[in-house]
C-alpha atoms as a PDB file:
ATOM      1  CA  MET A   1     -12.056 -61.667 102.341  1.00  0.00           C
ATOM      2  CA  GLU A   2     -15.501 -61.985 100.711  1.00  0.00           C
ATOM      3  CA  GLU A   3     -13.895 -63.203  97.481  1.00  0.00           C
ATOM      4  CA  VAL A   4     -12.059 -65.990  99.370  1.00  0.00           C
ATOM      5  CA  VAL A   5     -15.297 -67.115 101.030  1.00  0.00           C
ATOM      6  CA  LEU A   6     -17.044 -67.098  97.645  1.00  0.00           C
ATOM      7  CA  LEU A   7     -14.339 -69.270  96.082  1.00  0.00           C
ATOM      8  CA  ASN A   8     -14.507 -71.704  98.993  1.00  0.00           C
ATOM      9  CA  GLN A   9     -18.292 -71.946  98.636  1.00  0.00           C
ATOM     10  CA  THR A  10     -18.025 -72.535  94.906  1.00  0.00           C
ATOM     11  CA  SER A  11     -15.578 -75.398  95.383  1.00  0.00           C
ATOM     12  CA  LEU A  12     -17.710 -77.146  98.019  1.00  0.00           C
ATOM     13  CA  VAL A  13     -19.924 -78.795  95.400  1.00  0.00           C
ATOM     14  CA  THR A  14     -17.841 -80.978  93.071  1.00  0.00           C
ATOM     15  CA  TYR A  15     -20.633 -83.397  92.127  1.00  0.00           C
ATOM     16  CA  PHE A  16     -24.358 -83.148  91.496  1.00  0.00           C
ATOM     17  CA  GLN A  17     -26.799 -85.992  92.108  1.00  0.00           C
ATOM     18  CA  LEU A  18     -29.459 -86.587  89.476  1.00  0.00           C
ATOM     19  CA  ARG A  19     -32.781 -87.940  90.689  1.00  0.00           C
ATOM     20  CA  GLY A  20     -33.581 -89.572  87.364  1.00  0.00           C
ATOM     21  CA  LEU A  21     -37.066 -90.497  86.230  1.00  0.00           C
ATOM     22  CA  SER A  22     -38.007 -93.135  88.790  1.00  0.00           C
ATOM     23  CA  VAL A  23     -36.729 -94.855  91.935  1.00  0.00           C
ATOM     24  CA  ASN A  24     -38.741 -98.013  91.267  1.00  0.00           C
ATOM     25  CA  GLN A  25     -36.471-100.829  90.043  1.00  0.00           C
ATOM     26  CA  LYS A  26     -39.019-102.358  87.648  1.00  0.00           C
ATOM     27  CA  ALA A  27     -39.845 -98.923  86.265  1.00  0.00           C
ATOM     28  CA  GLN A  28     -36.135 -98.234  85.768  1.00  0.00           C
ATOM     29  CA  ILE A  29     -35.715-101.410  83.719  1.00  0.00           C
ATOM     30  CA  ALA A  30     -38.705-100.454  81.568  1.00  0.00           C
ATOM     31  CA  VAL A  31     -37.357 -96.910  81.144  1.00  0.00           C
ATOM     32  CA  PHE A  32     -33.903 -98.227  80.205  1.00  0.00           C
ATOM     33  CA  SER A  33     -35.313-100.599  77.577  1.00  0.00           C
ATOM     34  CA  MET A  34     -37.606 -97.979  76.055  1.00  0.00           C
ATOM     35  CA  PHE A  35     -34.998 -95.202  75.998  1.00  0.00           C
ATOM     36  CA  LEU A  36     -32.343 -97.510  74.561  1.00  0.00           C
ATOM     37  CA  ILE A  37     -34.669 -98.459  71.700  1.00  0.00           C
ATOM     38  CA  PHE A  38     -35.573 -94.801  71.117  1.00  0.00           C
ATOM     39  CA  TYR A  39     -31.908 -93.753  71.106  1.00  0.00           C
ATOM     40  CA  VAL A  40     -30.798 -96.485  68.704  1.00  0.00           C
ATOM     41  CA  LEU A  41     -33.678 -95.685  66.341  1.00  0.00           C
ATOM     42  CA  THR A  42     -32.838 -91.986  66.595  1.00  0.00           C
ATOM     43  CA  LEU A  43     -29.238 -92.658  65.574  1.00  0.00           C
ATOM     44  CA  ILE A  44     -30.191 -95.014  62.739  1.00  0.00           C
ATOM     45  CA  GLY A  45     -32.980 -92.793  61.383  1.00  0.00           C
ATOM     46  CA  ASN A  46     -31.128 -89.493  61.425  1.00  0.00           C
ATOM     47  CA  ILE A  47     -27.794 -90.879  60.198  1.00  0.00           C
ATOM     48  CA  LEU A  48     -29.631 -92.662  57.374  1.00  0.00           C
ATOM     49  CA  ILE A  49     -31.238 -89.359  56.347  1.00  0.00           C
ATOM     50  CA  VAL A  50     -27.852 -87.616  56.251  1.00  0.00           C
ATOM     51  CA  ILE A  51     -26.263 -90.436  54.209  1.00  0.00           C
ATOM     52  CA  THR A  52     -29.211 -90.536  51.792  1.00  0.00           C
ATOM     53  CA  ILE A  53     -29.094 -86.783  51.187  1.00  0.00           C
ATOM     54  CA  ILE A  54     -25.319 -86.896  50.611  1.00  0.00           C
ATOM     55  CA  TYR A  55     -25.461 -89.793  48.118  1.00  0.00           C
ATOM     56  CA  ASP A  56     -28.588 -88.799  46.157  1.00  0.00           C
ATOM     57  CA  HIS A  57     -27.771 -85.812  43.936  1.00  0.00           C
ATOM     58  CA  ARG A  58     -31.476 -85.112  43.385  1.00  0.00           C
ATOM     59  CA  LEU A  59     -31.676 -84.144  47.065  1.00  0.00           C
ATOM     60  CA  HIS A  60     -28.895 -81.569  46.778  1.00  0.00           C
ATOM     61  CA  THR A  61     -31.323 -78.685  47.283  1.00  0.00           C
ATOM     62  CA  PRO A  62     -31.584 -76.064  50.061  1.00  0.00           C
ATOM     63  CA  MET A  63     -34.527 -77.858  51.694  1.00  0.00           C
ATOM     64  CA  TYR A  64     -32.647 -81.140  52.088  1.00  0.00           C
ATOM     65  CA  PHE A  65     -29.415 -79.356  52.971  1.00  0.00           C
ATOM     66  CA  PHE A  66     -31.196 -77.869  55.987  1.00  0.00           C
ATOM     67  CA  LEU A  67     -32.881 -81.213  56.697  1.00  0.00           C
ATOM     68  CA  SER A  68     -29.479 -82.936  56.867  1.00  0.00           C
ATOM     69  CA  ASN A  69     -28.352 -80.262  59.337  1.00  0.00           C
ATOM     70  CA  LEU A  70     -31.475 -80.931  61.400  1.00  0.00           C
ATOM     71  CA  SER A  71     -30.766 -84.667  61.491  1.00  0.00           C
ATOM     72  CA  PHE A  72     -27.151 -84.034  62.513  1.00  0.00           C
ATOM     73  CA  ILE A  73     -28.292 -81.726  65.337  1.00  0.00           C
ATOM     74  CA  ASP A  74     -30.851 -84.294  66.517  1.00  0.00           C
ATOM     75  CA  VAL A  75     -28.150 -86.966  66.795  1.00  0.00           C
ATOM     76  CA  CYS A  76     -25.941 -84.613  68.820  1.00  0.00           C
ATOM     77  CA  HIS A  77     -28.823 -83.274  70.912  1.00  0.00           C
ATOM     78  CA  SER A  78     -29.979 -86.752  71.909  1.00  0.00           C
ATOM     79  CA  THR A  79     -26.410 -87.924  72.591  1.00  0.00           C
ATOM     80  CA  VAL A  80     -25.827 -85.106  75.102  1.00  0.00           C
ATOM     81  CA  THR A  81     -28.347 -86.552  77.585  1.00  0.00           C
ATOM     82  CA  VAL A  82     -29.541 -90.068  76.731  1.00  0.00           C
ATOM     83  CA  PRO A  83     -26.295 -92.129  77.132  1.00  0.00           C
ATOM     84  CA  LYS A  84     -25.716 -90.607  80.591  1.00  0.00           C
ATOM     85  CA  MET A  85     -29.317 -91.310  81.527  1.00  0.00           C
ATOM     86  CA  LEU A  86     -29.017 -94.940  80.366  1.00  0.00           C
ATOM     87  CA  THR A  87     -25.902 -95.559  82.484  1.00  0.00           C
ATOM     88  CA  ASP A  88     -27.498 -93.826  85.479  1.00  0.00           C
ATOM     89  CA  THR A  89     -30.418 -96.252  85.313  1.00  0.00           C
ATOM     90  CA  TRP A  90     -28.186 -98.933  86.876  1.00  0.00           C
ATOM     91  CA  SER A  91     -26.583 -96.563  89.385  1.00  0.00           C
ATOM     92  CA  GLU A  92     -28.055 -95.783  92.794  1.00  0.00           C
ATOM     93  CA  GLU A  93     -26.142 -92.522  93.252  1.00  0.00           C
ATOM     94  CA  LYS A  94     -26.543 -91.078  89.714  1.00  0.00           C
ATOM     95  CA  LEU A  95     -23.649 -88.651  90.179  1.00  0.00           C
ATOM     96  CA  ILE A  96     -22.311 -86.178  87.643  1.00  0.00           C
ATOM     97  CA  SER A  97     -19.247 -84.013  88.230  1.00  0.00           C
ATOM     98  CA  PHE A  98     -19.541 -80.230  88.242  1.00  0.00           C
ATOM     99  CA  ASP A  99     -17.450 -79.950  85.059  1.00  0.00           C
ATOM    100  CA  ALA A 100     -19.451 -82.667  83.288  1.00  0.00           C
ATOM    101  CA  CYS A 101     -22.678 -80.943  84.329  1.00  0.00           C
ATOM    102  CA  VAL A 102     -21.490 -77.633  82.895  1.00  0.00           C
ATOM    103  CA  THR A 103     -20.386 -79.364  79.681  1.00  0.00           C
ATOM    104  CA  GLN A 104     -23.766 -81.054  79.355  1.00  0.00           C
ATOM    105  CA  MET A 105     -25.580 -77.729  79.827  1.00  0.00           C
ATOM    106  CA  PHE A 106     -23.365 -76.029  77.256  1.00  0.00           C
ATOM    107  CA  PHE A 107     -23.940 -78.583  74.486  1.00  0.00           C
ATOM    108  CA  LEU A 108     -27.621 -79.008  75.387  1.00  0.00           C
ATOM    109  CA  HIS A 109     -28.279 -75.306  74.831  1.00  0.00           C
ATOM    110  CA  LEU A 110     -25.927 -75.127  71.854  1.00  0.00           C
ATOM    111  CA  PHE A 111     -27.838 -77.801  69.924  1.00  0.00           C
ATOM    112  CA  ALA A 112     -31.280 -76.721  71.183  1.00  0.00           C
ATOM    113  CA  CYS A 113     -30.842 -73.059  70.262  1.00  0.00           C
ATOM    114  CA  THR A 114     -29.219 -73.938  66.931  1.00  0.00           C
ATOM    115  CA  GLU A 115     -32.184 -76.192  66.134  1.00  0.00           C
ATOM    116  CA  ILE A 116     -34.634 -73.387  66.943  1.00  0.00           C
ATOM    117  CA  PHE A 117     -32.825 -71.070  64.537  1.00  0.00           C
ATOM    118  CA  LEU A 118     -32.634 -73.851  61.942  1.00  0.00           C
ATOM    119  CA  LEU A 119     -36.383 -74.533  62.129  1.00  0.00           C
ATOM    120  CA  THR A 120     -36.975 -70.826  61.582  1.00  0.00           C
ATOM    121  CA  VAL A 121     -34.659 -70.812  58.547  1.00  0.00           C
ATOM    122  CA  MET A 122     -36.431 -73.901  57.183  1.00  0.00           C
ATOM    123  CA  ALA A 123     -39.759 -72.083  57.489  1.00  0.00           C
ATOM    124  CA  TYR A 124     -38.312 -69.161  55.506  1.00  0.00           C
ATOM    125  CA  ASP A 125     -37.034 -71.624  52.901  1.00  0.00           C
ATOM    126  CA  ARG A 126     -40.546 -73.087  52.504  1.00  0.00           C
ATOM    127  CA  TYR A 127     -42.038 -69.598  52.321  1.00  0.00           C
ATOM    128  CA  VAL A 128     -39.755 -68.634  49.423  1.00  0.00           C
ATOM    129  CA  ALA A 129     -40.268 -71.984  47.660  1.00  0.00           C
ATOM    130  CA  ILE A 130     -44.079 -71.815  47.855  1.00  0.00           C
ATOM    131  CA  CYS A 131     -44.822 -68.093  47.662  1.00  0.00           C
ATOM    132  CA  LYS A 132     -41.992 -67.043  45.314  1.00  0.00           C
ATOM    133  CA  PRO A 133     -41.134 -70.174  43.307  1.00  0.00           C
ATOM    134  CA  LEU A 134     -39.635 -68.336  40.325  1.00  0.00           C
ATOM    135  CA  GLN A 135     -37.160 -66.509  42.560  1.00  0.00           C
ATOM    136  CA  TYR A 136     -36.396 -69.504  44.782  1.00  0.00           C
ATOM    137  CA  MET A 137     -32.988 -70.504  43.388  1.00  0.00           C
ATOM    138  CA  ILE A 138     -31.913 -66.856  43.284  1.00  0.00           C
ATOM    139  CA  VAL A 139     -32.959 -66.060  46.861  1.00  0.00           C
ATOM    140  CA  MET A 140     -31.910 -69.415  48.349  1.00  0.00           C
ATOM    141  CA  ASN A 141     -28.661 -69.949  46.468  1.00  0.00           C
ATOM    142  CA  TRP A 142     -25.874 -72.024  47.998  1.00  0.00           C
ATOM    143  CA  LYS A 143     -23.957 -69.017  49.251  1.00  0.00           C
ATOM    144  CA  VAL A 144     -27.030 -67.841  51.178  1.00  0.00           C
ATOM    145  CA  CYS A 145     -27.617 -71.344  52.573  1.00  0.00           C
ATOM    146  CA  VAL A 146     -24.047 -71.623  53.840  1.00  0.00           C
ATOM    147  CA  LEU A 147     -24.150 -68.122  55.359  1.00  0.00           C
ATOM    148  CA  LEU A 148     -27.458 -68.904  57.101  1.00  0.00           C
ATOM    149  CA  THR A 149     -26.020 -72.147  58.463  1.00  0.00           C
ATOM    150  CA  VAL A 150     -22.914 -70.386  59.798  1.00  0.00           C
ATOM    151  CA  ALA A 151     -25.132 -67.679  61.322  1.00  0.00           C
ATOM    152  CA  LEU A 152     -27.442 -70.109  63.117  1.00  0.00           C
ATOM    153  CA  TRP A 153     -24.537 -72.148  64.543  1.00  0.00           C
ATOM    154  CA  THR A 154     -22.845 -68.921  65.660  1.00  0.00           C
ATOM    155  CA  GLY A 155     -26.058 -67.726  67.287  1.00  0.00           C
ATOM    156  CA  GLY A 156     -26.485 -71.043  69.116  1.00  0.00           C
ATOM    157  CA  THR A 157     -22.892 -70.900  70.366  1.00  0.00           C
ATOM    158  CA  ILE A 158     -23.216 -67.329  71.659  1.00  0.00           C
ATOM    159  CA  HIS A 159     -26.491 -68.194  73.405  1.00  0.00           C
ATOM    160  CA  SER A 160     -24.984 -71.279  75.055  1.00  0.00           C
ATOM    161  CA  ILE A 161     -21.852 -69.470  76.205  1.00  0.00           C
ATOM    162  CA  ALA A 162     -23.973 -66.681  77.735  1.00  0.00           C
ATOM    163  CA  LEU A 163     -26.197 -69.060  79.728  1.00  0.00           C
ATOM    164  CA  THR A 164     -23.363 -71.333  80.839  1.00  0.00           C
ATOM    165  CA  SER A 165     -21.253 -68.355  81.955  1.00  0.00           C
ATOM    166  CA  LEU A 166     -24.102 -67.029  84.095  1.00  0.00           C
ATOM    167  CA  THR A 167     -24.505 -70.451  85.707  1.00  0.00           C
ATOM    168  CA  ILE A 168     -20.878 -71.268  86.569  1.00  0.00           C
ATOM    169  CA  ARG A 169     -20.269 -67.848  88.141  1.00  0.00           C
ATOM    170  CA  LEU A 170     -22.756 -68.624  90.929  1.00  0.00           C
ATOM    171  CA  PRO A 171     -21.562 -70.109  94.262  1.00  0.00           C
ATOM    172  CA  TYR A 172     -22.671 -73.702  94.993  1.00  0.00           C
ATOM    173  CA  CYS A 173     -22.317 -74.925  98.572  1.00  0.00           C
ATOM    174  CA  GLY A 174     -25.165 -77.456  98.799  1.00  0.00           C
ATOM    175  CA  PRO A 175     -27.652 -79.050  98.381  1.00  0.00           C
ATOM    176  CA  ASN A 176     -26.492 -80.786  95.209  1.00  0.00           C
ATOM    177  CA  GLU A 177     -29.553 -82.811  94.069  1.00  0.00           C
ATOM    178  CA  ILE A 178     -30.990 -82.021  90.623  1.00  0.00           C
ATOM    179  CA  ASP A 179     -34.610 -83.021  90.112  1.00  0.00           C
ATOM    180  CA  ASN A 180     -34.165 -84.339  86.580  1.00  0.00           C
ATOM    181  CA  PHE A 181     -32.176 -86.902  84.570  1.00  0.00           C
ATOM    182  CA  PHE A 182     -29.798 -84.310  83.071  1.00  0.00           C
ATOM    183  CA  CYS A 183     -28.280 -80.946  83.955  1.00  0.00           C
ATOM    184  CA  ASP A 184     -30.156 -77.890  82.790  1.00  0.00           C
ATOM    185  CA  VAL A 185     -29.764 -74.248  83.750  1.00  0.00           C
ATOM    186  CA  PRO A 186     -33.117 -73.752  85.574  1.00  0.00           C
ATOM    187  CA  GLN A 187     -32.561 -76.772  87.846  1.00  0.00           C
ATOM    188  CA  VAL A 188     -28.882 -76.023  88.518  1.00  0.00           C
ATOM    189  CA  ILE A 189     -29.224 -72.342  89.460  1.00  0.00           C
ATOM    190  CA  LYS A 190     -31.828 -73.268  92.089  1.00  0.00           C
ATOM    191  CA  LEU A 191     -28.982 -74.940  93.995  1.00  0.00           C
ATOM    192  CA  ALA A 192     -26.878 -71.779  94.142  1.00  0.00           C
ATOM    193  CA  CYS A 193     -26.134 -70.271  97.558  1.00  0.00           C
ATOM    194  CA  THR A 194     -27.238 -66.796  96.532  1.00  0.00           C
ATOM    195  CA  ASP A 195     -30.210 -64.851  95.234  1.00  0.00           C
ATOM    196  CA  THR A 196     -30.842 -65.879  91.599  1.00  0.00           C
ATOM    197  CA  HIS A 197     -33.804 -63.667  90.678  1.00  0.00           C
ATOM    198  CA  ILE A 198     -31.747 -61.531  88.307  1.00  0.00           C
ATOM    199  CA  ILE A 199     -30.263 -64.645  86.661  1.00  0.00           C
ATOM    200  CA  GLU A 200     -33.743 -66.115  86.231  1.00  0.00           C
ATOM    201  CA  ILE A 201     -34.945 -62.915  84.580  1.00  0.00           C
ATOM    202  CA  LEU A 202     -31.967 -63.056  82.208  1.00  0.00           C
ATOM    203  CA  ILE A 203     -32.741 -66.703  81.359  1.00  0.00           C
ATOM    204  CA  VAL A 204     -36.377 -65.892  80.599  1.00  0.00           C
ATOM    205  CA  SER A 205     -35.256 -62.861  78.581  1.00  0.00           C
ATOM    206  CA  ASN A 206     -32.746 -64.987  76.656  1.00  0.00           C
ATOM    207  CA  SER A 207     -34.104 -68.506  76.139  1.00  0.00           C
ATOM    208  CA  GLY A 208     -37.775 -67.659  76.629  1.00  0.00           C
ATOM    209  CA  LEU A 209     -37.653 -64.676  74.290  1.00  0.00           C
ATOM    210  CA  ILE A 210     -35.797 -66.595  71.583  1.00  0.00           C
ATOM    211  CA  SER A 211     -38.389 -69.393  71.739  1.00  0.00           C
ATOM    212  CA  MET A 212     -41.372 -67.027  71.687  1.00  0.00           C
ATOM    213  CA  VAL A 213     -40.039 -64.797  68.885  1.00  0.00           C
ATOM    214  CA  CYS A 214     -39.112 -67.766  66.688  1.00  0.00           C
ATOM    215  CA  PHE A 215     -42.496 -69.379  67.344  1.00  0.00           C
ATOM    216  CA  VAL A 216     -44.331 -66.181  66.327  1.00  0.00           C
ATOM    217  CA  VAL A 217     -42.189 -65.891  63.184  1.00  0.00           C
ATOM    218  CA  LEU A 218     -42.957 -69.523  62.324  1.00  0.00           C
ATOM    219  CA  VAL A 219     -46.708 -69.086  62.858  1.00  0.00           C
ATOM    220  CA  VAL A 220     -46.731 -65.964  60.671  1.00  0.00           C
ATOM    221  CA  SER A 221     -44.710 -67.766  57.978  1.00  0.00           C
ATOM    222  CA  TYR A 222     -47.070 -70.727  57.829  1.00  0.00           C
ATOM    223  CA  THR A 223     -50.115 -68.470  57.878  1.00  0.00           C
ATOM    224  CA  VAL A 224     -48.788 -66.675  54.792  1.00  0.00           C
ATOM    225  CA  ILE A 225     -47.987 -70.022  53.147  1.00  0.00           C
ATOM    226  CA  LEU A 226     -51.482 -71.412  53.831  1.00  0.00           C
ATOM    227  CA  VAL A 227     -53.128 -68.269  52.463  1.00  0.00           C
ATOM    228  CA  SER A 228     -50.979 -68.630  49.339  1.00  0.00           C
ATOM    229  CA  LEU A 229     -51.915 -72.295  48.942  1.00  0.00           C
ATOM    230  CA  ARG A 230     -55.627 -71.476  49.002  1.00  0.00           C
ATOM    231  CA  GLN A 231     -55.250 -69.892  45.576  1.00  0.00           C
ATOM    232  CA  ARG A 232     -53.847 -73.064  44.025  1.00  0.00           C
ATOM    233  CA  ILE A 233     -55.593 -76.092  42.562  1.00  0.00           C
ATOM    234  CA  SER A 234     -55.957 -79.135  44.844  1.00  0.00           C
ATOM    235  CA  LYS A 235     -53.161 -81.171  43.213  1.00  0.00           C
ATOM    236  CA  GLY A 236     -50.723 -78.307  43.586  1.00  0.00           C
ATOM    237  CA  ARG A 237     -51.521 -77.958  47.266  1.00  0.00           C
ATOM    238  CA  ARG A 238     -50.895 -81.528  48.334  1.00  0.00           C
ATOM    239  CA  LYS A 239     -47.091 -81.658  48.377  1.00  0.00           C
ATOM    240  CA  PRO A 240     -46.538 -78.189  49.940  1.00  0.00           C
ATOM    241  CA  LEU A 241     -49.200 -78.889  52.558  1.00  0.00           C
ATOM    242  CA  SER A 242     -47.576 -82.223  53.415  1.00  0.00           C
ATOM    243  CA  THR A 243     -44.155 -80.587  53.818  1.00  0.00           C
ATOM    244  CA  CYS A 244     -45.542 -77.728  55.918  1.00  0.00           C
ATOM    245  CA  ALA A 245     -47.581 -80.080  58.096  1.00  0.00           C
ATOM    246  CA  ALA A 246     -44.458 -82.141  58.844  1.00  0.00           C
ATOM    247  CA  HIS A 247     -42.415 -79.037  59.632  1.00  0.00           C
ATOM    248  CA  LEU A 248     -45.166 -77.547  61.808  1.00  0.00           C
ATOM    249  CA  THR A 249     -45.442 -80.779  63.805  1.00  0.00           C
ATOM    250  CA  VAL A 250     -41.712 -80.719  64.586  1.00  0.00           C
ATOM    251  CA  VAL A 251     -41.839 -77.035  65.481  1.00  0.00           C
ATOM    252  CA  THR A 252     -44.785 -77.455  67.856  1.00  0.00           C
ATOM    253  CA  LEU A 253     -43.193 -80.365  69.716  1.00  0.00           C
ATOM    254  CA  PHE A 254     -39.770 -78.763  70.020  1.00  0.00           C
ATOM    255  CA  LEU A 255     -40.642 -75.146  70.715  1.00  0.00           C
ATOM    256  CA  GLY A 256     -43.478 -76.195  73.021  1.00  0.00           C
ATOM    257  CA  HIS A 257     -40.886 -77.566  75.464  1.00  0.00           C
ATOM    258  CA  CYS A 258     -38.672 -74.471  75.240  1.00  0.00           C
ATOM    259  CA  ILE A 259     -41.562 -72.095  75.884  1.00  0.00           C
ATOM    260  CA  PHE A 260     -42.864 -74.239  78.765  1.00  0.00           C
ATOM    261  CA  ILE A 261     -39.483 -74.538  80.532  1.00  0.00           C
ATOM    262  CA  TYR A 262     -37.723 -71.258  79.830  1.00  0.00           C
ATOM    263  CA  SER A 263     -40.580 -68.733  79.743  1.00  0.00           C
ATOM    264  CA  ARG A 264     -41.240 -68.944  83.475  1.00  0.00           C
ATOM    265  CA  PRO A 265     -39.209 -68.662  86.701  1.00  0.00           C
ATOM    266  CA  SER A 266     -37.115 -71.646  87.847  1.00  0.00           C
ATOM    267  CA  THR A 267     -39.835 -73.529  89.698  1.00  0.00           C
ATOM    268  CA  SER A 268     -40.259 -77.299  89.529  1.00  0.00           C
ATOM    269  CA  LEU A 269     -43.512 -78.669  88.160  1.00  0.00           C
ATOM    270  CA  PRO A 270     -44.592 -82.344  87.965  1.00  0.00           C
ATOM    271  CA  GLU A 271     -44.837 -82.017  84.181  1.00  0.00           C
ATOM    272  CA  ASP A 272     -41.203 -80.915  83.766  1.00  0.00           C
ATOM    273  CA  LYS A 273     -39.755 -84.420  83.481  1.00  0.00           C
ATOM    274  CA  VAL A 274     -42.399 -85.537  80.981  1.00  0.00           C
ATOM    275  CA  VAL A 275     -41.756 -82.479  78.825  1.00  0.00           C
ATOM    276  CA  SER A 276     -37.997 -83.055  79.119  1.00  0.00           C
ATOM    277  CA  VAL A 277     -38.401 -86.634  77.870  1.00  0.00           C
ATOM    278  CA  PHE A 278     -40.184 -85.382  74.755  1.00  0.00           C
ATOM    279  CA  PHE A 279     -37.534 -82.691  74.306  1.00  0.00           C
ATOM    280  CA  THR A 280     -34.456 -84.925  74.551  1.00  0.00           C
ATOM    281  CA  VAL A 281     -35.689 -88.386  73.519  1.00  0.00           C
ATOM    282  CA  VAL A 282     -38.956 -88.359  71.575  1.00  0.00           C
ATOM    283  CA  THR A 283     -38.596 -85.313  69.293  1.00  0.00           C
ATOM    284  CA  PRO A 284     -35.193 -86.351  67.817  1.00  0.00           C
ATOM    285  CA  LEU A 285     -36.794 -89.694  66.933  1.00  0.00           C
ATOM    286  CA  LEU A 286     -39.948 -88.171  65.452  1.00  0.00           C
ATOM    287  CA  ASN A 287     -38.040 -85.910  63.073  1.00  0.00           C
ATOM    288  CA  PRO A 288     -36.778 -88.697  60.740  1.00  0.00           C
ATOM    289  CA  ILE A 289     -40.152 -90.456  60.915  1.00  0.00           C
ATOM    290  CA  ILE A 290     -42.122 -87.320  60.044  1.00  0.00           C
ATOM    291  CA  TYR A 291     -39.784 -86.143  57.301  1.00  0.00           C
ATOM    292  CA  THR A 292     -39.430 -89.536  55.603  1.00  0.00           C
ATOM    293  CA  LEU A 293     -42.908 -91.057  55.879  1.00  0.00           C
ATOM    294  CA  ARG A 294     -44.557 -87.847  54.615  1.00  0.00           C
ATOM    295  CA  ASN A 295     -42.000 -87.180  51.884  1.00  0.00           C
ATOM    296  CA  GLU A 296     -42.103 -89.156  48.645  1.00  0.00           C
ATOM    297  CA  GLU A 297     -38.695 -87.879  47.481  1.00  0.00           C
ATOM    298  CA  MET A 298     -37.009 -89.084  50.678  1.00  0.00           C
ATOM    299  CA  LYS A 299     -38.723 -92.472  50.488  1.00  0.00           C
ATOM    300  CA  ASN A 300     -37.675 -92.943  46.864  1.00  0.00           C
ATOM    301  CA  ALA A 301     -34.110 -91.887  47.680  1.00  0.00           C
ATOM    302  CA  LEU A 302     -33.979 -94.344  50.575  1.00  0.00           C
ATOM    303  CA  ASN A 303     -35.246 -97.148  48.345  1.00  0.00           C
ATOM    304  CA  ASN A 304     -32.627 -96.306  45.726  1.00  0.00           C
ATOM    305  CA  LEU A 305     -29.879 -96.274  48.350  1.00  0.00           C
ATOM    306  CA  VAL A 306     -30.952 -99.668  49.721  1.00  0.00           C
ATOM    307  CA  GLY A 307     -31.243-101.058  46.190  1.00  0.00           C
ATOM    308  CA  ARG A 308     -27.748 -99.801  45.334  1.00  0.00           C
ATOM    309  CA  LYS A 309     -26.290-101.548  48.390  1.00  0.00           C
ATOM    310  CA  GLU A 310     -28.085-104.795  47.551  1.00  0.00           C
ATOM    311  CA  LYS A 311     -26.658-104.754  43.995  1.00  0.00           C
ATOM    312  CA  LYS A 312     -23.139-104.226  45.336  1.00  0.00           C
ATOM    313  CA  GLU A 313     -23.565-107.166  47.727  1.00  0.00           C
ATOM    314  CA  GLU A 314     -24.761-109.409  44.866  1.00  0.00           C
ATOM    315  CA  LYS A 315     -21.685-108.523  42.822  1.00  0.00           C
END
C-alpha cells in the first residue's frame, strides 16, 4: 500500500517551474541580450580552439590535446543550460518537464565533473612538463593521454549517474518551483515530499568532496611548480608562469562555484544565482580568452589558420 502511495506522489509533479534570473521585463531583455552574446562567443571561441588544434600539427601535444577536450566540454556545458534559459526569457511560466529536468541535471553534472577531473589532469601535465622536462614525452605519451581522457569521462559519468539516481528516486508531490534558471540537484531535492538529510549528506560527500580534493591537489601541484620555477632564470620562467597563471585562473573560477554550492546543505542563498551565472555562462567564455590571449603558440596558430583560409578564398 505504501509503495502505491509513493508512486502516486512521484507522478503528481510532471513539470517544474523555473523562476529565472529576474521578473522585470526590461531586466529580462538585458539578460537575454547579454547571455545570447556570451553564448555565441563561447561557441565561436571554443570551437575555433578545437579546429585550430586539429589543423595545426605543431599543437599535437598532450597540453593542447587536453585543451581541446576542455573547449569541447565548455561548449557542451554551456549548451546544457543557456539555450533553455534564453527561451525562458520570453516565457511567463518557464516550465520544464520532469524528464527534461532530470536530463539537464545528468548532463550538467557529467560535464562539470569531467571538467574538474580534466583540470586536475592538466595540472599534472604541467607539473611533468615543468618539473621533469626530460621525462615529459615518456610519462605523458599518447597512450597515457588517451587512458587519462577515458578515465576522466568515465569518472564524470559515474558521478552523474549516482547523483541523478538519488534525485529521481525521491517522491515529488509539490511545490514545483525551482529558484534558479536551470535544474540542479540541490534545488530539486528541496522539493521532495520526504526527509532529504541523508541525500544532502551524500551530495556533500560526493560533489563537495570531489571539488575539495581536486582543489587541494591543484594547489599542491602549482605550489611545487612555482618552487621549481624559482630556480630558473627569468626568461625561462615567463612562459611556464603564463601557462600556470591561465590554468589557475580557470581552476579558481570553476572550482570556486562547485565548492560554494555543493560543500554545504541545500539551502538557498542570494549569491547562488550569481555564482551559477559564472559557472554556466561566464567561465566557458573565459576559457578560450584566457588560453588564447596568454598563449603565443595558440595566437600564432590562429593567425596561420586565418591566413590559410584567406589564401584559399583568393584562389
